[in-house]
C-alpha atoms as a PDB file:
ATOM      1  CA  MET A   1       0.000   0.000   0.000  1.00  0.00           C
ATOM      2  CA  ASN A   2       2.875   2.362   0.645  1.00  0.00           C
ATOM      3  CA  GLY A   3       4.047   1.844  -2.948  1.00  0.00           C
ATOM      4  CA  ASN A   4       0.669   2.977  -4.311  1.00  0.00           C
ATOM      5  CA  ARG A   5       0.778   6.206  -2.335  1.00  0.00           C
ATOM      6  CA  TYR A   6       4.283   6.931  -3.654  1.00  0.00           C
ATOM      7  CA  TYR A   7       3.118   6.241  -7.205  1.00  0.00           C
ATOM      8  CA  GLY A   8       0.187   8.644  -6.792  1.00  0.00           C
ATOM      9  CA  VAL A   9       2.460  11.432  -5.619  1.00  0.00           C
ATOM     10  CA  ARG A  10       4.829  10.762  -8.489  1.00  0.00           C
ATOM     11  CA  VAL A  11       2.049  10.959 -11.094  1.00  0.00           C
ATOM     12  CA  GLU A  12       0.695  14.198  -9.605  1.00  0.00           C
ATOM     13  CA  GLY A  13       4.162  15.747  -9.646  1.00  0.00           C
ATOM     14  CA  ALA A  14       4.662  14.823 -13.287  1.00  0.00           C
ATOM     15  CA  LYS A  15       1.268  16.250 -14.224  1.00  0.00           C
ATOM     16  CA  TYR A  16       1.980  19.615 -12.604  1.00  0.00           C
ATOM     17  CA  GLY A  17       5.504  19.716 -14.016  1.00  0.00           C
ATOM     18  CA  VAL A  18       4.250  19.316 -17.574  1.00  0.00           C
ATOM     19  CA  GLY A  19       1.585  21.970 -17.061  1.00  0.00           C
ATOM     20  CA  PHE A  20       4.024  24.472 -15.594  1.00  0.00           C
ATOM     21  CA  GLY A  21       6.593  23.793 -18.321  1.00  0.00           C
ATOM     22  CA  SER A  22       4.029  24.413 -21.044  1.00  0.00           C
ATOM     23  CA  ALA A  23       2.773  27.614 -19.428  1.00  0.00           C
ATOM     24  CA  LEU A  24       6.327  28.883 -18.974  1.00  0.00           C
ATOM     25  CA  ALA A  25       7.196  28.059 -22.585  1.00  0.00           C
ATOM     26  CA  ILE A  26       4.098  29.891 -23.837  1.00  0.00           C
ATOM     27  CA  ALA A  27       4.901  32.974 -21.768  1.00  0.00           C
ATOM     28  CA  ILE A  28       8.543  33.077 -22.898  1.00  0.00           C
ATOM     29  CA  SER A  29       7.625  32.455 -26.521  1.00  0.00           C
ATOM     30  CA  TYR A  30       4.966  35.148 -26.653  1.00  0.00           C
ATOM     31  CA  THR A  31       7.279  37.633 -24.947  1.00  0.00           C
ATOM     32  CA  ASN A  32      10.067  36.946 -27.441  1.00  0.00           C
ATOM     33  CA  ASN A  33       8.071  36.509 -30.668  1.00  0.00           C
ATOM     34  CA  HIS A  34       4.711  38.274 -30.121  1.00  0.00           C
ATOM     35  CA  SER A  35       3.035  35.443 -32.054  1.00  0.00           C
ATOM     36  CA  ILE A  36       0.207  33.254 -30.808  1.00  0.00           C
ATOM     37  CA  LEU A  37       1.034  30.511 -33.332  1.00  0.00           C
ATOM     38  CA  TRP A  38       4.640  30.211 -32.110  1.00  0.00           C
ATOM     39  CA  ALA A  39       3.426  30.331 -28.506  1.00  0.00           C
ATOM     40  CA  ILE A  40       1.161  27.330 -29.164  1.00  0.00           C
ATOM     41  CA  ILE A  41       3.946  25.392 -30.863  1.00  0.00           C
ATOM     42  CA  HIS A  42       6.393  26.146 -28.064  1.00  0.00           C
ATOM     43  CA  GLY A  43       3.727  25.273 -25.485  1.00  0.00           C
ATOM     44  CA  ILE A  44       3.502  21.806 -27.021  1.00  0.00           C
ATOM     45  CA  LEU A  45       7.280  21.443 -26.753  1.00  0.00           C
ATOM     46  CA  GLY A  46       7.172  22.693 -23.145  1.00  0.00           C
ATOM     47  CA  TRP A  47      10.364  22.176 -21.174  1.00  0.00           C
ATOM     48  CA  LEU A  48      12.418  21.564 -24.329  1.00  0.00           C
ATOM     49  CA  TYR A  49      11.815  25.134 -25.462  1.00  0.00           C
ATOM     50  CA  VAL A  50      12.446  26.544 -21.976  1.00  0.00           C
ATOM     51  CA  VAL A  51      15.826  24.788 -21.801  1.00  0.00           C
ATOM     52  CA  TYR A  52      16.660  25.927 -25.351  1.00  0.00           C
ATOM     53  CA  VAL A  53      15.965  29.563 -24.476  1.00  0.00           C
ATOM     54  CA  ALA A  54      17.958  29.266 -21.251  1.00  0.00           C
ATOM     55  CA  LEU A  55      20.992  27.868 -23.073  1.00  0.00           C
ATOM     56  CA  PHE A  56      20.961  29.770 -26.350  1.00  0.00           C
ATOM     57  CA  GLY A  57      18.684  32.673 -25.963  1.00  0.00           C
END
């Protein structure tokens, strides 16, 4: 039973991490490009775009 509780916490953490990464990517993209289309595309990429901007941008 302890393993199930750990699994539930892990799934919730992953869900919120993906949501926050997408929201952050959308905000950064719209600030940089002023384009809703690029913001949507970068929101789909999520954390990949955030890391890209942090390293190269």
